[in-house]
Structures are given as C-alpha cells and as structure tokens.
Protein backbone atom coordinates (compact mmCIF):
# COMPACT_ATOMS: atom_id res chain seq x y z
CA MET A 1 -13.30 -5.90 24.81
CA ASP A 2 -11.02 -3.85 27.03
CA LYS A 3 -8.06 -3.80 24.70
CA ALA A 4 -7.63 -0.78 22.42
CA MET A 5 -7.13 -1.44 18.73
CA ASN A 6 -4.56 0.58 16.86
CA VAL A 7 -4.53 0.83 13.09
CA GLU A 8 -1.59 2.22 11.14
CA PRO A 9 -1.78 2.95 7.41
CA ILE A 10 0.82 1.15 5.31
CA GLY A 11 0.34 3.62 2.48
CA TYR A 12 -2.15 5.79 0.60
CA ALA A 13 -4.20 5.69 -2.57
CA ARG A 14 -3.01 8.08 -5.24
CA GLY A 15 -4.22 8.85 -8.70
CA GLN A 16 -5.05 11.44 -11.28
CA ASP A 17 -6.11 11.56 -14.92
CA GLY A 18 -7.32 7.95 -14.90
CA ASN A 19 -4.18 6.58 -13.23
CA HIS A 20 -4.80 4.49 -10.12
CA TYR A 21 -1.96 3.56 -7.83
CA LEU A 22 -0.97 3.02 -4.23
CA GLU A 23 2.09 4.49 -2.60
CA ILE A 24 3.39 2.24 0.17
CA GLU A 25 5.34 3.74 3.07
CA PRO A 26 9.12 3.01 2.95
CA ARG A 27 9.22 0.77 6.02
CA PHE A 28 6.57 -1.56 4.51
CA ARG A 29 8.08 -1.82 1.01
CA PRO A 30 10.14 -4.98 1.71
CA GLY A 31 6.78 -6.72 2.22
CA LEU A 32 5.96 -6.20 -1.47
CA LEU A 33 8.38 -8.95 -2.53
CA GLY A 34 6.54 -11.48 -4.73
CA LEU A 35 3.32 -9.47 -5.02
CA GLU A 36 4.12 -8.62 -8.65
CA GLU A 37 3.41 -12.24 -9.62
CA PHE A 38 -0.29 -11.91 -8.77
CA GLY A 39 -2.91 -10.54 -11.16
CA TRP A 40 -5.28 -9.26 -8.48
CA VAL A 41 -4.85 -7.77 -5.03
CA GLN A 42 -7.29 -7.27 -2.19
CA ILE A 43 -6.92 -3.79 -0.73
CA LEU A 44 -8.08 -3.26 2.84
CA TRP A 45 -8.72 0.45 3.34
CA TRP A 46 -10.21 3.01 5.72
CA ALA A 47 -13.09 5.09 4.31
CA SER A 48 -11.63 8.29 5.73
CA LEU A 49 -13.88 10.54 3.63
CA ALA A 50 -17.13 8.82 4.67
CA GLY A 51 -19.53 10.72 6.82
CA GLU A 52 -19.66 10.11 10.53
CA PHE A 53 -21.69 7.09 11.60
CA PRO A 54 -24.92 8.33 13.17
CA SER A 55 -25.62 6.48 16.41
CA GLY A 56 -28.34 3.90 15.91
CA ALA A 57 -28.36 4.16 12.09
CA LEU A 58 -28.61 0.44 11.47
CA ARG A 59 -31.50 0.53 8.96
CA TYR A 60 -32.22 2.97 6.19
CA PRO A 61 -34.05 3.28 2.86
CA SER A 62 -32.54 0.95 0.28
CA PRO A 63 -30.31 2.69 -2.27
CA TYR A 64 -31.11 -0.06 -4.82
CA ARG A 65 -33.92 0.09 -7.38
CA GLY A 66 -35.87 -3.12 -7.21
CA GLY A 67 -34.52 -3.90 -3.75
CA PRO A 68 -36.43 -4.02 -0.49
CA ALA A 69 -37.77 -0.70 0.82
CA GLU A 70 -35.36 -0.85 3.77
CA LEU A 71 -31.99 -2.50 4.33
CA GLY A 72 -29.88 -3.17 7.37
CA LEU A 73 -26.44 -1.59 7.43
CA PHE A 74 -24.68 -4.95 7.16
CA ALA A 75 -26.67 -5.84 4.01
CA SER A 76 -25.22 -2.82 2.20
CA ARG A 77 -21.80 -1.74 1.03
CA SER A 78 -22.18 1.82 2.28
CA PRO A 79 -18.91 3.34 3.52
CA ILE A 80 -20.79 4.96 6.43
CA ARG A 81 -20.32 2.26 9.04
CA PRO A 82 -19.47 1.91 12.75
CA ASN A 83 -15.91 1.19 11.58
CA PRO A 84 -15.41 2.44 8.01
CA LEU A 85 -13.29 -0.55 7.02
CA CYS A 86 -13.56 -1.44 3.32
CA LEU A 87 -12.26 -4.14 1.01
CA SER A 88 -11.69 -3.85 -2.74
CA ALA A 89 -10.31 -6.31 -5.26
CA ALA A 90 -8.25 -4.63 -7.98
CA ALA A 91 -6.33 -5.79 -11.06
CA LEU A 92 -2.61 -5.27 -10.43
CA LEU A 93 -0.67 -3.86 -13.40
CA GLY A 94 2.74 -3.53 -11.80
CA VAL A 95 4.82 -3.20 -8.64
CA ASP A 96 7.86 -1.00 -8.12
CA ALA A 97 9.04 -2.18 -4.72
CA VAL A 98 11.84 0.41 -4.57
CA SER A 99 9.49 3.39 -4.90
CA GLY A 100 6.59 1.57 -3.22
CA ILE A 101 4.26 2.18 -6.18
CA LEU A 102 1.59 -0.36 -7.10
CA ARG A 103 -0.26 0.40 -10.35
CA PHE A 104 -3.84 -0.74 -10.96
CA SER A 105 -6.22 -0.58 -13.90
CA TRP A 106 -8.92 0.88 -11.61
CA PHE A 107 -10.05 0.90 -7.99
CA ASP A 108 -12.83 2.58 -6.03
CA LEU A 109 -10.61 4.55 -3.63
CA GLU A 110 -10.27 8.31 -3.50
CA PRO A 111 -6.76 9.82 -3.58
CA GLY A 112 -5.44 10.08 -0.03
CA THR A 113 -7.38 7.06 1.24
CA PRO A 114 -5.36 5.24 3.95
CA ILE A 115 -4.38 1.68 3.03
CA LEU A 116 -4.40 -0.73 5.98
CA ASP A 117 -3.30 -3.98 4.33
CA LEU A 118 -2.78 -5.79 1.03
CA LYS A 119 -3.45 -9.44 0.32
CA PRO A 120 -2.95 -11.36 -2.91
CA TYR A 121 -6.18 -12.63 -4.40
CA HIS A 122 -6.28 -16.45 -4.23
CA PRO A 123 -9.22 -18.10 -6.04
CA SER A 124 -8.93 -21.14 -3.77
CA ALA A 125 -9.72 -18.98 -0.72
CA ASP A 126 -11.42 -15.89 -2.15
CA ARG A 127 -13.69 -17.04 -4.98
CA VAL A 128 -17.16 -18.34 -4.26
CA GLU A 129 -18.79 -20.15 -7.20
CA SER A 130 -22.38 -19.93 -5.93
CA PRO A 131 -22.53 -16.95 -3.56
CA GLY A 132 -26.30 -16.92 -2.98
CA MET A 133 -27.76 -13.53 -3.84
CA PRO A 134 -31.19 -12.01 -3.14
CA ALA A 135 -33.54 -12.04 -6.15
CA TRP A 136 -33.53 -8.24 -6.38
CA CYS A 137 -29.83 -8.19 -7.34
CA ALA A 138 -29.62 -11.50 -9.22
CA SER A 139 -29.30 -9.65 -12.56
CA TRP A 140 -26.13 -7.86 -11.47
CA PRO A 141 -22.80 -8.94 -13.04
CA ARG A 142 -21.30 -12.19 -11.77
CA SER A 143 -17.72 -10.83 -11.75
CA VAL A 144 -15.65 -7.69 -11.34
CA GLU A 145 -14.63 -7.93 -14.98
CA ALA A 146 -18.27 -7.94 -16.16
CA SER A 147 -19.06 -4.99 -13.87
CA ALA A 148 -17.04 -2.62 -16.04
CA ASP A 149 -19.64 -2.74 -18.82
CA PHE A 150 -22.70 -2.86 -16.57
CA ASP A 151 -25.04 0.16 -16.32
CA TRP A 152 -24.79 0.74 -12.57
CA SER A 153 -26.79 3.99 -12.86
CA ALA A 154 -29.87 1.83 -13.48
CA VAL A 155 -29.33 0.09 -10.12
CA PHE A 156 -29.14 2.96 -7.64
CA ASN A 157 -31.80 5.40 -6.43
CA PHE A 158 -29.45 8.38 -6.37
C-alpha cells in the first residue's frame, strides 16, 4: 500500500478517583447527537502508552494460566502490536454534547489515551451468541457484565 494513513484523535480519555469519562474535541462534538440514547458504546483507541512493537515479535509465552505455552500475537489482546489499535465496549452513563463529556461506569483506558472513533453498540451487528472459544478459556465470563465479578487474577501469569 503506497498511500499513507493519517489518524487524528477525536478526543481523550480522562478520569480520576473512579470516574471514567471521555472528553471529545470541540469540532467533533456535533457528532455526539443521539449517542445518549444508547446504553453501550464501542471506543476505538490508540494504545499510546504501550511499549514499542519489537520487530518479529509475533509469538511469545502465553500470559494465560491453563492456556497454550505459546500464543501468536493475533490470538492475544496485548496492547503491544504492530499498530496499537484497541477496541473497548463501555456502559454509557451520560453525554454532555456541549462540553463534549461522555461519562462511563468503567473502561480500560488510561487517562490521556487518544480516542480515534466512537460507535454505538448494536446487538444486531456486534453481539455473537456462540463465539467459539478455545477450551482453555471456556470458563471465562460470557459477558462484560459478568466480567466485573470474575477473579481475573487467577487467569493471568503475571
């Protein structure tokens, strides 16, 4: 591909003391119209704090207990990737389109993380009833909501 790709943040993750919100840049705020009617939002973000992708690092020891000894990069959710592009689904609590503030109950973004895009979560396009999971992670929660009470420390090797 000869064409350069340019990515421009539309806003940034903010938060402190358990508050999780996005601050959208003024010129993109008109695009928030109608988003307040959705319960969940998909946040496309750039893992700006991730380490640099080491050339050729396409396989590494699995971070999951009970998983295979080695995993390929694309079978993991590590933020250290050739292009540190990430996607998170988050429960939307409110939208203030004037100030560009979107409040969430929780998300896995660090303050200052660049936001590249927002999409409303649509079950008809985004939910998969039978996703097909490897046996080693079949006991993991079946939804984001159930993940909140799950002991994730028992899953990872670090």
